[in-house]
C-alpha atoms as a PDB file:
ATOM      1  CA  UNK A   1     -23.296  21.852   6.306  1.00  0.00           C
ATOM      2  CA  UNK A   2     -26.971  21.044   5.780  1.00  0.00           C
ATOM      3  CA  UNK A   3     -29.661  23.678   6.617  1.00  0.00           C
ATOM      4  CA  UNK A   4     -33.362  23.783   6.278  1.00  0.00           C
ATOM      5  CA  UNK A   5     -36.224  26.043   7.457  1.00  0.00           C
ATOM      6  CA  UNK A   6     -39.952  26.079   7.765  1.00  0.00           C
ATOM      7  CA  UNK A   7     -42.042  28.052   5.264  1.00  0.00           C
ATOM      8  CA  UNK A   8     -42.215  31.144   7.410  1.00  0.00           C
ATOM      9  CA  UNK A   9     -38.534  30.963   8.382  1.00  0.00           C
ATOM     10  CA  UNK A  10     -39.360  30.864  12.024  1.00  0.00           C
ATOM     11  CA  UNK A  11     -37.657  27.423  12.574  1.00  0.00           C
ATOM     12  CA  UNK A  12     -34.155  26.578  11.289  1.00  0.00           C
ATOM     13  CA  UNK A  13     -32.484  23.219  11.524  1.00  0.00           C
ATOM     14  CA  UNK A  14     -28.834  22.909  10.774  1.00  0.00           C
ATOM     15  CA  UNK A  15     -26.703  19.653  10.639  1.00  0.00           C
ATOM     16  CA  UNK A  16     -23.005  19.813  10.580  1.00  0.00           C
ATOM     17  CA  UNK A  17     -22.722  17.554   7.407  1.00  0.00           C
ATOM     18  CA  UNK A  18     -24.872  16.376   4.521  1.00  0.00           C
ATOM     19  CA  UNK A  19     -26.876  13.288   5.184  1.00  0.00           C
ATOM     20  CA  UNK A  20     -25.360  10.050   3.922  1.00  0.00           C
ATOM     21  CA  UNK A  21     -28.656   9.108   2.206  1.00  0.00           C
ATOM     22  CA  UNK A  22     -32.192  10.415   1.910  1.00  0.00           C
ATOM     23  CA  UNK A  23     -35.216   8.142   2.640  1.00  0.00           C
ATOM     24  CA  UNK A  24     -38.376   8.244   0.451  1.00  0.00           C
ATOM     25  CA  UNK A  25     -41.087   6.357   2.392  1.00  0.00           C
ATOM     26  CA  UNK A  26     -44.080   4.966   0.549  1.00  0.00           C
ATOM     27  CA  UNK A  27     -46.530   5.093   3.463  1.00  0.00           C
ATOM     28  CA  UNK A  28     -49.730   6.941   2.854  1.00  0.00           C
ATOM     29  CA  UNK A  29     -48.711   9.917   4.940  1.00  0.00           C
ATOM     30  CA  UNK A  30     -45.180  10.390   3.439  1.00  0.00           C
ATOM     31  CA  UNK A  31     -46.487   9.842  -0.020  1.00  0.00           C
ATOM     32  CA  UNK A  32     -49.227  12.405   0.495  1.00  0.00           C
ATOM     33  CA  UNK A  33     -46.865  14.947   1.985  1.00  0.00           C
ATOM     34  CA  UNK A  34     -44.155  14.243  -0.660  1.00  0.00           C
ATOM     35  CA  UNK A  35     -41.663  14.005   2.294  1.00  0.00           C
ATOM     36  CA  UNK A  36     -38.082  12.970   1.828  1.00  0.00           C
ATOM     37  CA  UNK A  37     -36.398  12.200   5.173  1.00  0.00           C
ATOM     38  CA  UNK A  38     -32.774  12.726   6.227  1.00  0.00           C
ATOM     39  CA  UNK A  39     -31.664  11.149   9.467  1.00  0.00           C
ATOM     40  CA  UNK A  40     -28.973  12.532  11.726  1.00  0.00           C
ATOM     41  CA  UNK A  41     -27.544  11.813  15.239  1.00  0.00           C
ATOM     42  CA  UNK A  42     -29.015  14.363  17.688  1.00  0.00           C
ATOM     43  CA  UNK A  43     -25.626  15.650  18.663  1.00  0.00           C
ATOM     44  CA  UNK A  44     -25.042  16.727  15.073  1.00  0.00           C
ATOM     45  CA  UNK A  45     -28.109  18.905  14.720  1.00  0.00           C
ATOM     46  CA  UNK A  46     -28.910  22.369  15.952  1.00  0.00           C
ATOM     47  CA  UNK A  47     -32.497  23.786  16.042  1.00  0.00           C
ATOM     48  CA  UNK A  48     -32.983  27.614  16.096  1.00  0.00           C
ATOM     49  CA  UNK A  49     -36.317  29.372  16.448  1.00  0.00           C
ATOM     50  CA  UNK A  50     -36.904  32.997  15.740  1.00  0.00           C
ATOM     51  CA  UNK A  51     -39.710  35.234  17.041  1.00  0.00           C
ATOM     52  CA  UNK A  52     -41.681  34.732  20.191  1.00  0.00           C
ATOM     53  CA  UNK A  53     -43.934  31.780  19.048  1.00  0.00           C
ATOM     54  CA  UNK A  54     -43.375  28.252  18.071  1.00  0.00           C
ATOM     55  CA  UNK A  55     -45.993  26.046  16.419  1.00  0.00           C
ATOM     56  CA  UNK A  56     -46.542  22.421  17.573  1.00  0.00           C
ATOM     57  CA  UNK A  57     -48.522  20.021  15.237  1.00  0.00           C
ATOM     58  CA  UNK A  58     -51.370  19.016  17.459  1.00  0.00           C
ATOM     59  CA  UNK A  59     -52.249  16.103  15.188  1.00  0.00           C
ATOM     60  CA  UNK A  60     -49.269  14.390  16.767  1.00  0.00           C
ATOM     61  CA  UNK A  61     -51.055  14.484  20.220  1.00  0.00           C
ATOM     62  CA  UNK A  62     -53.734  11.934  21.174  1.00  0.00           C
ATOM     63  CA  UNK A  63     -57.106  13.292  20.170  1.00  0.00           C
ATOM     64  CA  UNK A  64     -58.343  12.860  23.775  1.00  0.00           C
ATOM     65  CA  UNK A  65     -55.954  15.746  24.768  1.00  0.00           C
ATOM     66  CA  UNK A  66     -57.042  18.129  22.186  1.00  0.00           C
ATOM     67  CA  UNK A  67     -60.750  17.311  21.380  1.00  0.00           C
ATOM     68  CA  UNK A  68     -62.075  20.100  23.622  1.00  0.00           C
ATOM     69  CA  UNK A  69     -59.686  22.823  22.288  1.00  0.00           C
ATOM     70  CA  UNK A  70     -61.371  25.128  19.632  1.00  0.00           C
ATOM     71  CA  UNK A  71     -59.915  24.969  16.122  1.00  0.00           C
ATOM     72  CA  UNK A  72     -59.586  28.352  14.350  1.00  0.00           C
ATOM     73  CA  UNK A  73     -59.234  28.438  10.556  1.00  0.00           C
ATOM     74  CA  UNK A  74     -56.326  30.487   9.246  1.00  0.00           C
ATOM     75  CA  UNK A  75     -55.889  31.864   5.674  1.00  0.00           C
ATOM     76  CA  UNK A  76     -52.152  31.136   5.165  1.00  0.00           C
ATOM     77  CA  UNK A  77     -52.641  31.378   1.355  1.00  0.00           C
ATOM     78  CA  UNK A  78     -53.641  35.028   0.870  1.00  0.00           C
ATOM     79  CA  UNK A  79     -54.409  37.178   3.872  1.00  0.00           C
ATOM     80  CA  UNK A  80     -52.392  35.598   6.759  1.00  0.00           C
ATOM     81  CA  UNK A  81     -55.385  36.249   9.098  1.00  0.00           C
ATOM     82  CA  UNK A  82     -57.682  34.133  11.050  1.00  0.00           C
ATOM     83  CA  UNK A  83     -61.043  33.657   9.125  1.00  0.00           C
ATOM     84  CA  UNK A  84     -63.099  34.339  12.325  1.00  0.00           C
ATOM     85  CA  UNK A  85     -61.667  37.876  12.773  1.00  0.00           C
END
Protein backbone atom coordinates (compact mmCIF):
# COMPACT_ATOMS: atom_id res chain seq x y z
CA UNK A 1 0.00 0.00 0.00
CA UNK A 2 1.27 3.50 -0.89
CA UNK A 3 -0.57 6.51 0.56
CA UNK A 4 -0.01 10.27 0.25
CA UNK A 5 -2.04 13.33 1.19
CA UNK A 6 -1.94 17.06 0.62
CA UNK A 7 -0.65 19.47 3.28
CA UNK A 8 -4.11 20.13 4.77
CA UNK A 9 -5.14 16.46 4.57
CA UNK A 10 -8.18 17.20 2.40
CA UNK A 11 -6.99 15.07 -0.54
CA UNK A 12 -5.69 11.54 -0.06
CA UNK A 13 -4.32 9.30 -2.80
CA UNK A 14 -3.77 5.59 -2.25
CA UNK A 15 -2.20 3.03 -4.58
CA UNK A 16 -2.50 -0.68 -3.94
CA UNK A 17 1.29 -1.22 -4.16
CA UNK A 18 4.56 0.63 -3.81
CA UNK A 19 5.85 2.19 -7.05
CA UNK A 20 8.46 0.15 -8.90
CA UNK A 21 10.61 3.29 -9.18
CA UNK A 22 10.52 7.01 -8.43
CA UNK A 23 11.38 9.60 -11.11
CA UNK A 24 13.47 12.67 -10.35
CA UNK A 25 13.02 15.06 -13.30
CA UNK A 26 15.54 17.86 -13.82
CA UNK A 27 13.25 20.30 -15.65
CA UNK A 28 13.02 23.80 -14.14
CA UNK A 29 9.58 23.20 -12.59
CA UNK A 30 10.27 19.80 -11.00
CA UNK A 31 13.66 21.02 -9.79
CA UNK A 32 12.12 24.15 -8.24
CA UNK A 33 9.34 22.14 -6.57
CA UNK A 34 11.63 19.35 -5.45
CA UNK A 35 9.14 16.88 -6.90
CA UNK A 36 9.72 13.15 -7.04
CA UNK A 37 7.16 11.39 -9.24
CA UNK A 38 5.69 7.90 -8.83
CA UNK A 39 3.67 6.60 -11.78
CA UNK A 40 0.76 4.16 -11.45
CA UNK A 41 -1.91 2.72 -13.72
CA UNK A 42 -5.19 4.53 -12.99
CA UNK A 43 -7.02 1.35 -12.00
CA UNK A 44 -4.53 0.88 -9.14
CA UNK A 45 -5.12 4.31 -7.56
CA UNK A 46 -7.95 5.66 -5.39
CA UNK A 47 -8.42 9.38 -4.72
CA UNK A 48 -10.43 10.50 -1.70
CA UNK A 49 -11.38 14.04 -0.77
CA UNK A 50 -12.62 15.22 2.62
CA UNK A 51 -14.64 18.30 3.40
CA UNK A 52 -16.87 20.24 1.04
CA UNK A 53 -14.20 21.95 -1.07
CA UNK A 54 -11.52 20.81 -3.47
CA UNK A 55 -8.77 23.07 -4.83
CA UNK A 56 -7.79 23.07 -8.49
CA UNK A 57 -4.47 24.64 -9.53
CA UNK A 58 -5.57 27.34 -11.97
CA UNK A 59 -2.02 27.73 -13.27
CA UNK A 60 -2.74 24.52 -15.17
CA UNK A 61 -5.48 26.31 -17.17
CA UNK A 62 -4.79 28.55 -20.15
CA UNK A 63 -4.38 32.15 -18.94
CA UNK A 64 -7.10 33.21 -21.37
CA UNK A 65 -9.61 31.31 -19.19
CA UNK A 66 -8.51 32.81 -15.87
CA UNK A 67 -7.19 36.30 -16.68
CA UNK A 68 -10.47 38.04 -15.70
CA UNK A 69 -10.91 36.18 -12.39
CA UNK A 70 -9.73 38.14 -9.30
CA UNK A 71 -6.83 36.66 -7.35
CA UNK A 72 -7.06 36.81 -3.54
CA UNK A 73 -3.93 36.55 -1.40
CA UNK A 74 -4.11 33.94 1.37
CA UNK A 75 -1.88 33.67 4.44
CA UNK A 76 -1.33 29.93 4.63
CA UNK A 77 1.80 30.40 6.74
CA UNK A 78 0.42 32.00 9.91
CA UNK A 79 -3.23 33.05 10.10
CA UNK A 80 -4.98 30.85 7.53
CA UNK A 81 -7.05 33.88 6.47
CA UNK A 82 -7.41 35.89 3.30
CA UNK A 83 -5.35 39.07 3.52
CA UNK A 84 -8.18 41.24 2.15
CA UNK A 85 -10.56 40.41 5.03
